[in-house]
Amino acid sequence: MSKKKHKCISCGYVYDPEVGDPISGIPAGTSFEELPEGWICPLCGVNKVLFFEISE
């Protein structure tokens, strides 16, 4: 599992796999790569293709 965080280029939301996305029902421990294709940013609604990997 990748523990890398990903950031939305539209609004700046950071997807952290250690937290998941409780708003969308994504449990903690879910890597960004494991997110469903239809997953969208919980803040602004853009598709996951508009996220980029960030380093700590």
PDB file of N, CA and C in Angstrom:
ATOM      1  N   MET A   1       0.844  -1.193   0.000  1.00  0.00           N
ATOM      2  CA  MET A   1       0.000   0.000   0.000  1.00  0.00           C
ATOM      3  C   MET A   1       0.882   1.247   0.000  1.00  0.00           C
ATOM      4  N   SER A   2       0.535   2.173  -0.832  1.00  0.00           N
ATOM      5  CA  SER A   2       1.247   3.445  -0.891  1.00  0.00           C
ATOM      6  C   SER A   2       0.729   4.358   0.218  1.00  0.00           C
ATOM      7  N   LYS A   3       1.639   4.922   0.973  1.00  0.00           N
ATOM      8  CA  LYS A   3       1.261   5.851   2.046  1.00  0.00           C
ATOM      9  C   LYS A   3       1.390   7.299   1.596  1.00  0.00           C
ATOM     10  N   LYS A   4       1.603   7.513   0.302  1.00  0.00           N
ATOM     11  CA  LYS A   4       1.806   8.867  -0.206  1.00  0.00           C
ATOM     12  C   LYS A   4       0.495   9.643  -0.226  1.00  0.00           C
ATOM     13  N   LYS A   5       0.620  10.926   0.100  1.00  0.00           N
ATOM     14  CA  LYS A   5      -0.530  11.817   0.073  1.00  0.00           C
ATOM     15  C   LYS A   5      -0.660  12.422  -1.313  1.00  0.00           C
ATOM     16  N   HIS A   6      -1.883  12.802  -1.650  1.00  0.00           N
ATOM     17  CA  HIS A   6      -2.155  13.429  -2.940  1.00  0.00           C
ATOM     18  C   HIS A   6      -2.962  14.699  -2.703  1.00  0.00           C
ATOM     19  N   LYS A   7      -2.670  15.733  -3.490  1.00  0.00           N
ATOM     20  CA  LYS A   7      -3.300  17.037  -3.318  1.00  0.00           C
ATOM     21  C   LYS A   7      -4.123  17.412  -4.545  1.00  0.00           C
ATOM     22  N   CYS A   8      -5.292  17.973  -4.312  1.00  0.00           N
ATOM     23  CA  CYS A   8      -6.179  18.437  -5.381  1.00  0.00           C
ATOM     24  C   CYS A   8      -5.634  19.743  -5.962  1.00  0.00           C
ATOM     25  N   ILE A   9      -5.481  19.789  -7.279  1.00  0.00           N
ATOM     26  CA  ILE A   9      -4.966  21.022  -7.891  1.00  0.00           C
ATOM     27  C   ILE A   9      -6.023  22.124  -7.903  1.00  0.00           C
ATOM     28  N   SER A  10      -7.268  21.762  -7.723  1.00  0.00           N
ATOM     29  CA  SER A  10      -8.341  22.742  -7.774  1.00  0.00           C
ATOM     30  C   SER A  10      -8.522  23.484  -6.443  1.00  0.00           C
ATOM     31  N   CYS A  11      -8.590  22.733  -5.329  1.00  0.00           N
ATOM     32  CA  CYS A  11      -8.917  23.376  -4.051  1.00  0.00           C
ATOM     33  C   CYS A  11      -7.859  23.195  -2.963  1.00  0.00           C
ATOM     34  N   GLY A  12      -6.888  22.298  -3.183  1.00  0.00           N
ATOM     35  CA  GLY A  12      -5.846  22.096  -2.190  1.00  0.00           C
ATOM     36  C   GLY A  12      -6.120  20.998  -1.171  1.00  0.00           C
ATOM     37  N   TYR A  13      -7.276  20.331  -1.294  1.00  0.00           N
ATOM     38  CA  TYR A  13      -7.578  19.220  -0.383  1.00  0.00           C
ATOM     39  C   TYR A  13      -6.477  18.164  -0.486  1.00  0.00           C
ATOM     40  N   VAL A  14      -6.047  17.637   0.654  1.00  0.00           N
ATOM     41  CA  VAL A  14      -5.022  16.602   0.667  1.00  0.00           C
ATOM     42  C   VAL A  14      -5.654  15.276   1.082  1.00  0.00           C
ATOM     43  N   TYR A  15      -5.532  14.277   0.189  1.00  0.00           N
ATOM     44  CA  TYR A  15      -5.985  12.931   0.530  1.00  0.00           C
ATOM     45  C   TYR A  15      -4.854  12.226   1.257  1.00  0.00           C
ATOM     46  N   ASP A  16      -5.111  11.829   2.509  1.00  0.00           N
ATOM     47  CA  ASP A  16      -4.140  11.128   3.338  1.00  0.00           C
ATOM     48  C   ASP A  16      -4.628   9.699   3.522  1.00  0.00           C
ATOM     49  N   PRO A  17      -3.897   8.697   3.008  1.00  0.00           N
ATOM     50  CA  PRO A  17      -4.358   7.318   3.119  1.00  0.00           C
ATOM     51  C   PRO A  17      -4.473   6.824   4.563  1.00  0.00           C
ATOM     52  N   GLU A  18      -3.768   7.452   5.482  1.00  0.00           N
ATOM     53  CA  GLU A  18      -3.880   7.050   6.889  1.00  0.00           C
ATOM     54  C   GLU A  18      -5.205   7.501   7.496  1.00  0.00           C
ATOM     55  N   VAL A  19      -5.863   8.473   6.860  1.00  0.00           N
ATOM     56  CA  VAL A  19      -7.151   8.980   7.329  1.00  0.00           C
ATOM     57  C   VAL A  19      -8.287   8.440   6.469  1.00  0.00           C
ATOM     58  N   GLY A  20      -8.029   8.270   5.171  1.00  0.00           N
ATOM     59  CA  GLY A  20      -9.083   7.877   4.238  1.00  0.00           C
ATOM     60  C   GLY A  20      -9.949   9.088   3.917  1.00  0.00           C
ATOM     61  N   ASP A  21     -11.193   8.835   3.537  1.00  0.00           N
ATOM     62  CA  ASP A  21     -12.141   9.910   3.254  1.00  0.00           C
ATOM     63  C   ASP A  21     -13.474   9.537   3.899  1.00  0.00           C
ATOM     64  N   PRO A  22     -13.607   9.832   5.199  1.00  0.00           N
ATOM     65  CA  PRO A  22     -14.839   9.442   5.903  1.00  0.00           C
ATOM     66  C   PRO A  22     -16.108  10.035   5.285  1.00  0.00           C
ATOM     67  N   ILE A  23     -15.985  11.214   4.679  1.00  0.00           N
ATOM     68  CA  ILE A  23     -17.151  11.854   4.048  1.00  0.00           C
ATOM     69  C   ILE A  23     -17.715  10.967   2.936  1.00  0.00           C
ATOM     70  N   SER A  24     -16.808  10.315   2.190  1.00  0.00           N
ATOM     71  CA  SER A  24     -17.226   9.463   1.069  1.00  0.00           C
ATOM     72  C   SER A  24     -17.269   7.988   1.431  1.00  0.00           C
ATOM     73  N   GLY A  25     -17.046   7.650   2.700  1.00  0.00           N
ATOM     74  CA  GLY A  25     -17.091   6.259   3.125  1.00  0.00           C
ATOM     75  C   GLY A  25     -15.838   5.464   2.791  1.00  0.00           C
ATOM     76  N   ILE A  26     -14.717   6.141   2.551  1.00  0.00           N
ATOM     77  CA  ILE A  26     -13.454   5.466   2.250  1.00  0.00           C
ATOM     78  C   ILE A  26     -12.714   5.259   3.569  1.00  0.00           C
ATOM     79  N   PRO A  27     -12.465   4.005   3.957  1.00  0.00           N
ATOM     80  CA  PRO A  27     -11.839   3.750   5.257  1.00  0.00           C
ATOM     81  C   PRO A  27     -10.360   4.115   5.302  1.00  0.00           C
ATOM     82  N   ALA A  28      -9.886   4.395   6.511  1.00  0.00           N
ATOM     83  CA  ALA A  28      -8.461   4.638   6.727  1.00  0.00           C
ATOM     84  C   ALA A  28      -7.686   3.429   6.235  1.00  0.00           C
ATOM     85  N   GLY A  29      -6.507   3.676   5.686  1.00  0.00           N
ATOM     86  CA  GLY A  29      -5.681   2.594   5.157  1.00  0.00           C
ATOM     87  C   GLY A  29      -5.858   2.370   3.669  1.00  0.00           C
ATOM     88  N   THR A  30      -6.751   3.129   3.024  1.00  0.00           N
ATOM     89  CA  THR A  30      -6.980   3.000   1.583  1.00  0.00           C
ATOM     90  C   THR A  30      -6.009   3.904   0.842  1.00  0.00           C
ATOM     91  N   SER A  31      -5.128   3.301   0.036  1.00  0.00           N
ATOM     92  CA  SER A  31      -4.176   4.109  -0.738  1.00  0.00           C
ATOM     93  C   SER A  31      -4.911   4.876  -1.822  1.00  0.00           C
ATOM     94  N   PHE A  32      -4.282   5.930  -2.316  1.00  0.00           N
ATOM     95  CA  PHE A  32      -4.886   6.728  -3.382  1.00  0.00           C
ATOM     96  C   PHE A  32      -5.162   5.864  -4.608  1.00  0.00           C
ATOM     97  N   GLU A  33      -4.233   4.952  -4.898  1.00  0.00           N
ATOM     98  CA  GLU A  33      -4.386   4.077  -6.069  1.00  0.00           C
ATOM     99  C   GLU A  33      -5.582   3.136  -5.930  1.00  0.00           C
ATOM    100  N   GLU A  34      -5.977   2.837  -4.709  1.00  0.00           N
ATOM    101  CA  GLU A  34      -7.109   1.931  -4.456  1.00  0.00           C
ATOM    102  C   GLU A  34      -8.461   2.635  -4.481  1.00  0.00           C
ATOM    103  N   LEU A  35      -8.461   3.961  -4.556  1.00  0.00           N
ATOM    104  CA  LEU A  35      -9.738   4.678  -4.596  1.00  0.00           C
ATOM    105  C   LEU A  35     -10.497   4.302  -5.865  1.00  0.00           C
ATOM    106  N   PRO A  36     -11.817   4.194  -5.779  1.00  0.00           N
ATOM    107  CA  PRO A  36     -12.596   3.866  -6.977  1.00  0.00           C
ATOM    108  C   PRO A  36     -12.436   4.934  -8.059  1.00  0.00           C
ATOM    109  N   GLU A  37     -12.561   4.538  -9.309  1.00  0.00           N
ATOM    110  CA  GLU A  37     -12.417   5.480 -10.429  1.00  0.00           C
ATOM    111  C   GLU A  37     -13.394   6.647 -10.318  1.00  0.00           C
ATOM    112  N   GLY A  38     -14.553   6.403  -9.759  1.00  0.00           N
ATOM    113  CA  GLY A  38     -15.561   7.453  -9.653  1.00  0.00           C
ATOM    114  C   GLY A  38     -15.410   8.362  -8.441  1.00  0.00           C
ATOM    115  N   TRP A  39     -14.356   8.132  -7.639  1.00  0.00           N
ATOM    116  CA  TRP A  39     -14.146   8.956  -6.451  1.00  0.00           C
ATOM    117  C   TRP A  39     -13.870  10.393  -6.867  1.00  0.00           C
ATOM    118  N   ILE A  40     -14.446  11.339  -6.126  1.00  0.00           N
ATOM    119  CA  ILE A  40     -14.228  12.760  -6.401  1.00  0.00           C
ATOM    120  C   ILE A  40     -13.762  13.462  -5.128  1.00  0.00           C
ATOM    121  N   CYS A  41     -13.140  14.600  -5.306  1.00  0.00           N
ATOM    122  CA  CYS A  41     -12.687  15.405  -4.180  1.00  0.00           C
ATOM    123  C   CYS A  41     -13.894  15.754  -3.303  1.00  0.00           C
ATOM    124  N   PRO A  42     -13.813  15.465  -2.001  1.00  0.00           N
ATOM    125  CA  PRO A  42     -14.965  15.746  -1.140  1.00  0.00           C
ATOM    126  C   PRO A  42     -15.225  17.250  -0.935  1.00  0.00           C
ATOM    127  N   LEU A  43     -14.266  18.087  -1.270  1.00  0.00           N
ATOM    128  CA  LEU A  43     -14.466  19.527  -1.092  1.00  0.00           C
ATOM    129  C   LEU A  43     -14.971  20.230  -2.344  1.00  0.00           C
ATOM    130  N   CYS A  44     -14.365  19.908  -3.505  1.00  0.00           N
ATOM    131  CA  CYS A  44     -14.744  20.665  -4.707  1.00  0.00           C
ATOM    132  C   CYS A  44     -15.345  19.801  -5.820  1.00  0.00           C
ATOM    133  N   GLY A  45     -15.280  18.468  -5.688  1.00  0.00           N
ATOM    134  CA  GLY A  45     -15.965  17.599  -6.640  1.00  0.00           C
ATOM    135  C   GLY A  45     -15.218  17.240  -7.909  1.00  0.00           C
ATOM    136  N   VAL A  46     -13.910  17.583  -8.010  1.00  0.00           N
ATOM    137  CA  VAL A  46     -13.176  17.210  -9.222  1.00  0.00           C
ATOM    138  C   VAL A  46     -12.766  15.739  -9.158  1.00  0.00           C
ATOM    139  N   ASN A  47     -12.504  15.164 -10.319  1.00  0.00           N
ATOM    140  CA  ASN A  47     -12.105  13.766 -10.443  1.00  0.00           C
ATOM    141  C   ASN A  47     -10.697  13.559  -9.911  1.00  0.00           C
ATOM    142  N   LYS A  48     -10.387  12.327  -9.529  1.00  0.00           N
ATOM    143  CA  LYS A  48      -9.072  12.023  -8.944  1.00  0.00           C
ATOM    144  C   LYS A  48      -7.903  12.230  -9.900  1.00  0.00           C
ATOM    145  N   VAL A  49      -8.165  12.355 -11.195  1.00  0.00           N
ATOM    146  CA  VAL A  49      -7.079  12.617 -12.135  1.00  0.00           C
ATOM    147  C   VAL A  49      -6.486  14.017 -11.930  1.00  0.00           C
ATOM    148  N   LEU A  50      -7.200  14.887 -11.219  1.00  0.00           N
ATOM    149  CA  LEU A  50      -6.712  16.234 -10.966  1.00  0.00           C
ATOM    150  C   LEU A  50      -5.970  16.339  -9.627  1.00  0.00           C
ATOM    151  N   PHE A  51      -5.489  15.212  -9.127  1.00  0.00           N
ATOM    152  CA  PHE A  51      -4.683  15.180  -7.915  1.00  0.00           C
ATOM    153  C   PHE A  51      -3.238  14.875  -8.296  1.00  0.00           C
ATOM    154  N   PHE A  52      -2.303  15.392  -7.503  1.00  0.00           N
ATOM    155  CA  PHE A  52      -0.897  15.086  -7.727  1.00  0.00           C
ATOM    156  C   PHE A  52      -0.273  14.626  -6.421  1.00  0.00           C
ATOM    157  N   GLU A  53       0.736  13.790  -6.546  1.00  0.00           N
ATOM    158  CA  GLU A  53       1.426  13.233  -5.383  1.00  0.00           C
ATOM    159  C   GLU A  53       2.271  14.306  -4.712  1.00  0.00           C
ATOM    160  N   ILE A  54       2.230  14.330  -3.389  1.00  0.00           N
ATOM    161  CA  ILE A  54       3.063  15.280  -2.649  1.00  0.00           C
ATOM    162  C   ILE A  54       3.973  14.507  -1.710  1.00  0.00           C
ATOM    163  N   SER A  55       5.108  15.104  -1.389  1.00  0.00           N
ATOM    164  CA  SER A  55       6.012  14.483  -0.428  1.00  0.00           C
ATOM    165  C   SER A  55       5.883  15.208   0.899  1.00  0.00           C
ATOM    166  N   GLU A  56       6.192  14.506   1.940  1.00  0.00           N
ATOM    167  CA  GLU A  56       6.048  15.072   3.295  1.00  0.00           C
ATOM    168  C   GLU A  56       7.082  16.127   3.566  1.00  0.00           C
TER     169      GLU A  56
END
